[in-house]
Amino acid sequence: MNTMAADNSGRTQLWAVRAVQAVSLMLFALAIFGVLPPLSLLVPVALVVVTELVQRTTAVRRA
């Protein structure tokens, strides 16, 4: 039972990470093409950094 829950949690986290990366990419593209102001370039970078930190901390907890 616990391994099944861990598998589902891992899949959920993977989908969440991919969703954050997709949103980051869209925001970055909009900022580059001038739709969003230049300061908004920091938002996708911050999202990617936070996502990486979450992935690393959960990987450390699992190990």
PDB file of N, CA and C in Angstrom:
ATOM      1  N   MET A   1       0.820  -1.189   0.000  1.00  0.00           N
ATOM      2  CA  MET A   1       0.000   0.000   0.000  1.00  0.00           C
ATOM      3  C   MET A   1       0.868   1.259   0.000  1.00  0.00           C
ATOM      4  N   ASN A   2       1.895   1.293   0.829  1.00  0.00           N
ATOM      5  CA  ASN A   2       2.724   2.489   0.907  1.00  0.00           C
ATOM      6  C   ASN A   2       3.473   2.745  -0.399  1.00  0.00           C
ATOM      7  N   THR A   3       3.929   1.677  -1.061  1.00  0.00           N
ATOM      8  CA  THR A   3       4.624   1.881  -2.329  1.00  0.00           C
ATOM      9  C   THR A   3       3.676   2.427  -3.380  1.00  0.00           C
ATOM     10  N   MET A   4       2.425   2.000  -3.348  1.00  0.00           N
ATOM     11  CA  MET A   4       1.442   2.509  -4.301  1.00  0.00           C
ATOM     12  C   MET A   4       1.212   3.998  -4.066  1.00  0.00           C
ATOM     13  N   ALA A   5       1.104   4.403  -2.832  1.00  0.00           N
ATOM     14  CA  ALA A   5       0.896   5.820  -2.507  1.00  0.00           C
ATOM     15  C   ALA A   5       2.112   6.640  -2.934  1.00  0.00           C
ATOM     16  N   ALA A   6       3.293   6.090  -2.737  1.00  0.00           N
ATOM     17  CA  ALA A   6       4.510   6.799  -3.128  1.00  0.00           C
ATOM     18  C   ALA A   6       4.567   6.971  -4.642  1.00  0.00           C
ATOM     19  N   ASP A   7       4.160   5.927  -5.380  1.00  0.00           N
ATOM     20  CA  ASP A   7       4.152   6.024  -6.837  1.00  0.00           C
ATOM     21  C   ASP A   7       3.195   7.109  -7.307  1.00  0.00           C
ATOM     22  N   ASN A   8       1.992   7.121  -6.739  1.00  0.00           N
ATOM     23  CA  ASN A   8       1.016   8.134  -7.135  1.00  0.00           C
ATOM     24  C   ASN A   8       1.501   9.526  -6.768  1.00  0.00           C
ATOM     25  N   SER A   9       2.122   9.668  -5.618  1.00  0.00           N
ATOM     26  CA  SER A   9       2.643  10.964  -5.188  1.00  0.00           C
ATOM     27  C   SER A   9       3.739  11.437  -6.138  1.00  0.00           C
ATOM     28  N   GLY A  10       4.589  10.521  -6.546  1.00  0.00           N
ATOM     29  CA  GLY A  10       5.658  10.864  -7.485  1.00  0.00           C
ATOM     30  C   GLY A  10       5.115  11.319  -8.820  1.00  0.00           C
ATOM     31  N   ARG A  11       4.081  10.627  -9.303  1.00  0.00           N
ATOM     32  CA  ARG A  11       3.467  11.017 -10.574  1.00  0.00           C
ATOM     33  C   ARG A  11       2.813  12.377 -10.458  1.00  0.00           C
ATOM     34  N   THR A  12       2.124  12.606  -9.349  1.00  0.00           N
ATOM     35  CA  THR A  12       1.473  13.898  -9.141  1.00  0.00           C
ATOM     36  C   THR A  12       2.514  15.006  -9.113  1.00  0.00           C
ATOM     37  N   GLN A  13       3.607  14.757  -8.423  1.00  0.00           N
ATOM     38  CA  GLN A  13       4.654  15.773  -8.340  1.00  0.00           C
ATOM     39  C   GLN A  13       5.263  16.030  -9.719  1.00  0.00           C
ATOM     40  N   LEU A  14       5.445  14.969 -10.509  1.00  0.00           N
ATOM     41  CA  LEU A  14       6.012  15.130 -11.843  1.00  0.00           C
ATOM     42  C   LEU A  14       5.108  15.996 -12.712  1.00  0.00           C
ATOM     43  N   TRP A  15       3.797  15.743 -12.650  1.00  0.00           N
ATOM     44  CA  TRP A  15       2.856  16.561 -13.419  1.00  0.00           C
ATOM     45  C   TRP A  15       2.880  18.004 -12.927  1.00  0.00           C
ATOM     46  N   ALA A  16       2.998  18.205 -11.636  1.00  0.00           N
ATOM     47  CA  ALA A  16       3.051  19.565 -11.093  1.00  0.00           C
ATOM     48  C   ALA A  16       4.307  20.285 -11.573  1.00  0.00           C
ATOM     49  N   VAL A  17       5.414  19.589 -11.589  1.00  0.00           N
ATOM     50  CA  VAL A  17       6.671  20.180 -12.051  1.00  0.00           C
ATOM     51  C   VAL A  17       6.562  20.558 -13.522  1.00  0.00           C
ATOM     52  N   ARG A  18       5.994  19.668 -14.324  1.00  0.00           N
ATOM     53  CA  ARG A  18       5.844  19.966 -15.754  1.00  0.00           C
ATOM     54  C   ARG A  18       4.901  21.137 -15.982  1.00  0.00           C
ATOM     55  N   ALA A  19       3.861  21.232 -15.182  1.00  0.00           N
ATOM     56  CA  ALA A  19       2.926  22.357 -15.313  1.00  0.00           C
ATOM     57  C   ALA A  19       3.621  23.673 -14.977  1.00  0.00           C
ATOM     58  N   VAL A  20       4.413  23.670 -13.909  1.00  0.00           N
ATOM     59  CA  VAL A  20       5.150  24.889 -13.527  1.00  0.00           C
ATOM     60  C   VAL A  20       6.146  25.265 -14.618  1.00  0.00           C
ATOM     61  N   GLN A  21       6.817  24.275 -15.192  1.00  0.00           N
ATOM     62  CA  GLN A  21       7.772  24.560 -16.252  1.00  0.00           C
ATOM     63  C   GLN A  21       7.081  25.123 -17.491  1.00  0.00           C
ATOM     64  N   ALA A  22       5.901  24.599 -17.825  1.00  0.00           N
ATOM     65  CA  ALA A  22       5.157  25.101 -18.983  1.00  0.00           C
ATOM     66  C   ALA A  22       4.715  26.548 -18.766  1.00  0.00           C
ATOM     67  N   VAL A  23       4.207  26.835 -17.581  1.00  0.00           N
ATOM     68  CA  VAL A  23       3.792  28.208 -17.268  1.00  0.00           C
ATOM     69  C   VAL A  23       5.004  29.138 -17.295  1.00  0.00           C
ATOM     70  N   SER A  24       6.123  28.683 -16.763  1.00  0.00           N
ATOM     71  CA  SER A  24       7.344  29.492 -16.771  1.00  0.00           C
ATOM     72  C   SER A  24       7.776  29.810 -18.197  1.00  0.00           C
ATOM     73  N   LEU A  25       7.726  28.806 -19.051  1.00  0.00           N
ATOM     74  CA  LEU A  25       8.118  29.004 -20.442  1.00  0.00           C
ATOM     75  C   LEU A  25       7.195  29.994 -21.147  1.00  0.00           C
ATOM     76  N   MET A  26       5.890  29.885 -20.903  1.00  0.00           N
ATOM     77  CA  MET A  26       4.939  30.823 -21.512  1.00  0.00           C
ATOM     78  C   MET A  26       5.189  32.251 -21.030  1.00  0.00           C
ATOM     79  N   LEU A  27       5.378  32.429 -19.723  1.00  0.00           N
ATOM     80  CA  LEU A  27       5.639  33.764 -19.184  1.00  0.00           C
ATOM     81  C   LEU A  27       6.938  34.342 -19.740  1.00  0.00           C
ATOM     82  N   PHE A  28       7.939  33.492 -19.847  1.00  0.00           N
ATOM     83  CA  PHE A  28       9.230  33.923 -20.373  1.00  0.00           C
ATOM     84  C   PHE A  28       9.087  34.377 -21.827  1.00  0.00           C
ATOM     85  N   ALA A  29       8.355  33.585 -22.626  1.00  0.00           N
ATOM     86  CA  ALA A  29       8.142  33.940 -24.033  1.00  0.00           C
ATOM     87  C   ALA A  29       7.362  35.253 -24.154  1.00  0.00           C
ATOM     88  N   LEU A  30       6.323  35.414 -23.346  1.00  0.00           N
ATOM     89  CA  LEU A  30       5.540  36.655 -23.387  1.00  0.00           C
ATOM     90  C   LEU A  30       6.392  37.862 -23.008  1.00  0.00           C
ATOM     91  N   ALA A  31       7.272  37.685 -22.033  1.00  0.00           N
ATOM     92  CA  ALA A  31       8.139  38.787 -21.616  1.00  0.00           C
ATOM     93  C   ALA A  31       9.161  39.119 -22.702  1.00  0.00           C
ATOM     94  N   ILE A  32       9.689  38.098 -23.361  1.00  0.00           N
ATOM     95  CA  ILE A  32      10.674  38.330 -24.418  1.00  0.00           C
ATOM     96  C   ILE A  32      10.041  39.079 -25.593  1.00  0.00           C
ATOM     97  N   PHE A  33       8.813  38.708 -25.952  1.00  0.00           N
ATOM     98  CA  PHE A  33       8.150  39.347 -27.094  1.00  0.00           C
ATOM     99  C   PHE A  33       7.507  40.682 -26.738  1.00  0.00           C
ATOM    100  N   GLY A  34       7.684  41.134 -25.515  1.00  0.00           N
ATOM    101  CA  GLY A  34       7.237  42.458 -25.141  1.00  0.00           C
ATOM    102  C   GLY A  34       5.796  42.555 -24.689  1.00  0.00           C
ATOM    103  N   VAL A  35       5.113  41.427 -24.534  1.00  0.00           N
ATOM    104  CA  VAL A  35       3.725  41.459 -24.073  1.00  0.00           C
ATOM    105  C   VAL A  35       3.678  41.800 -22.587  1.00  0.00           C
ATOM    106  N   LEU A  36       4.633  41.282 -21.852  1.00  0.00           N
ATOM    107  CA  LEU A  36       4.728  41.560 -20.418  1.00  0.00           C
ATOM    108  C   LEU A  36       5.916  42.489 -20.163  1.00  0.00           C
ATOM    109  N   PRO A  37       5.892  43.243 -19.078  1.00  0.00           N
ATOM    110  CA  PRO A  37       7.021  44.128 -18.773  1.00  0.00           C
ATOM    111  C   PRO A  37       8.299  43.339 -18.455  1.00  0.00           C
ATOM    112  N   PRO A  38       9.467  43.952 -18.635  1.00  0.00           N
ATOM    113  CA  PRO A  38      10.740  43.248 -18.441  1.00  0.00           C
ATOM    114  C   PRO A  38      10.923  42.633 -17.053  1.00  0.00           C
ATOM    115  N   LEU A  39      10.385  43.262 -16.013  1.00  0.00           N
ATOM    116  CA  LEU A  39      10.537  42.693 -14.668  1.00  0.00           C
ATOM    117  C   LEU A  39       9.856  41.337 -14.539  1.00  0.00           C
ATOM    118  N   SER A  40       8.894  41.068 -15.397  1.00  0.00           N
ATOM    119  CA  SER A  40       8.200  39.782 -15.321  1.00  0.00           C
ATOM    120  C   SER A  40       9.111  38.626 -15.728  1.00  0.00           C
ATOM    121  N   LEU A  41      10.278  38.925 -16.277  1.00  0.00           N
ATOM    122  CA  LEU A  41      11.245  37.863 -16.579  1.00  0.00           C
ATOM    123  C   LEU A  41      11.703  37.160 -15.303  1.00  0.00           C
ATOM    124  N   LEU A  42      11.615  37.852 -14.187  1.00  0.00           N
ATOM    125  CA  LEU A  42      12.035  37.251 -12.921  1.00  0.00           C
ATOM    126  C   LEU A  42      11.053  36.191 -12.434  1.00  0.00           C
ATOM    127  N   VAL A  43       9.791  36.296 -12.827  1.00  0.00           N
ATOM    128  CA  VAL A  43       8.773  35.350 -12.351  1.00  0.00           C
ATOM    129  C   VAL A  43       9.060  33.930 -12.823  1.00  0.00           C
ATOM    130  N   PRO A  44       9.267  33.676 -14.136  1.00  0.00           N
ATOM    131  CA  PRO A  44       9.552  32.298 -14.540  1.00  0.00           C
ATOM    132  C   PRO A  44      10.849  31.761 -13.945  1.00  0.00           C
ATOM    133  N   VAL A  45      11.842  32.627 -13.802  1.00  0.00           N
ATOM    134  CA  VAL A  45      13.107  32.189 -13.201  1.00  0.00           C
ATOM    135  C   VAL A  45      12.870  31.766 -11.754  1.00  0.00           C
ATOM    136  N   ALA A  46      12.099  32.555 -11.027  1.00  0.00           N
ATOM    137  CA  ALA A  46      11.783  32.212  -9.639  1.00  0.00           C
ATOM    138  C   ALA A  46      10.992  30.911  -9.564  1.00  0.00           C
ATOM    139  N   LEU A  47      10.045  30.711 -10.487  1.00  0.00           N
ATOM    140  CA  LEU A  47       9.266  29.468 -10.493  1.00  0.00           C
ATOM    141  C   LEU A  47      10.162  28.255 -10.713  1.00  0.00           C
ATOM    142  N   VAL A  48      11.099  28.366 -11.635  1.00  0.00           N
ATOM    143  CA  VAL A  48      12.001  27.245 -11.910  1.00  0.00           C
ATOM    144  C   VAL A  48      12.897  26.968 -10.706  1.00  0.00           C
ATOM    145  N   VAL A  49      13.399  28.013 -10.076  1.00  0.00           N
ATOM    146  CA  VAL A  49      14.261  27.838  -8.901  1.00  0.00           C
ATOM    147  C   VAL A  49      13.497  27.165  -7.768  1.00  0.00           C
ATOM    148  N   VAL A  50      12.281  27.621  -7.514  1.00  0.00           N
ATOM    149  CA  VAL A  50      11.469  27.021  -6.448  1.00  0.00           C
ATOM    150  C   VAL A  50      11.162  25.568  -6.773  1.00  0.00           C
ATOM    151  N   THR A  51      10.841  25.279  -8.029  1.00  0.00           N
ATOM    152  CA  THR A  51      10.556  23.899  -8.437  1.00  0.00           C
ATOM    153  C   THR A  51      11.769  23.006  -8.210  1.00  0.00           C
ATOM    154  N   GLU A  52      12.950  23.489  -8.576  1.00  0.00           N
ATOM    155  CA  GLU A  52      14.175  22.715  -8.362  1.00  0.00           C
ATOM    156  C   GLU A  52      14.411  22.444  -6.881  1.00  0.00           C
ATOM    157  N   LEU A  53      14.213  23.453  -6.058  1.00  0.00           N
ATOM    158  CA  LEU A  53      14.407  23.273  -4.616  1.00  0.00           C
ATOM    159  C   LEU A  53      13.439  22.243  -4.056  1.00  0.00           C
ATOM    160  N   VAL A  54      12.192  22.293  -4.495  1.00  0.00           N
ATOM    161  CA  VAL A  54      11.197  21.322  -4.020  1.00  0.00           C
ATOM    162  C   VAL A  54      11.584  19.922  -4.459  1.00  0.00           C
ATOM    163  N   GLN A  55      12.017  19.769  -5.709  1.00  0.00           N
ATOM    164  CA  GLN A  55      12.428  18.450  -6.194  1.00  0.00           C
ATOM    165  C   GLN A  55      13.608  17.910  -5.390  1.00  0.00           C
ATOM    166  N   ARG A  56      14.566  18.745  -5.116  1.00  0.00           N
ATOM    167  CA  ARG A  56      15.752  18.281  -4.385  1.00  0.00           C
ATOM    168  C   ARG A  56      15.428  17.927  -2.940  1.00  0.00           C
ATOM    169  N   THR A  57      14.578  18.714  -2.299  1.00  0.00           N
ATOM    170  CA  THR A  57      14.248  18.404  -0.906  1.00  0.00           C
ATOM    171  C   THR A  57      13.422  17.135  -0.811  1.00  0.00           C
ATOM    172  N   THR A  58      12.516  16.902  -1.765  1.00  0.00           N
ATOM    173  CA  THR A  58      11.735  15.661  -1.720  1.00  0.00           C
ATOM    174  C   THR A  58      12.610  14.468  -2.071  1.00  0.00           C
ATOM    175  N   ALA A  59      13.600  14.657  -2.949  1.00  0.00           N
ATOM    176  CA  ALA A  59      14.515  13.566  -3.283  1.00  0.00           C
ATOM    177  C   ALA A  59      15.364  13.199  -2.074  1.00  0.00           C
ATOM    178  N   VAL A  60      15.782  14.188  -1.309  1.00  0.00           N
ATOM    179  CA  VAL A  60      16.582  13.928  -0.110  1.00  0.00           C
ATOM    180  C   VAL A  60      15.738  13.194   0.926  1.00  0.00           C
ATOM    181  N   ARG A  61      14.482  13.574   1.066  1.00  0.00           N
ATOM    182  CA  ARG A  61      13.610  12.911   2.038  1.00  0.00           C
ATOM    183  C   ARG A  61      13.365  11.457   1.673  1.00  0.00           C
ATOM    184  N   ARG A  62      13.258  11.167   0.379  1.00  0.00           N
ATOM    185  CA  ARG A  62      12.989   9.792  -0.058  1.00  0.00           C
ATOM    186  C   ARG A  62      14.209   8.903   0.098  1.00  0.00           C
ATOM    187  N   ALA A  63      15.406   9.482  -0.014  1.00  0.00           N
ATOM    188  CA  ALA A  63      16.632   8.680   0.044  1.00  0.00           C
ATOM    189  C   ALA A  63      16.964   8.241   1.445  1.00  0.00           C
TER     190      ALA A  63
END
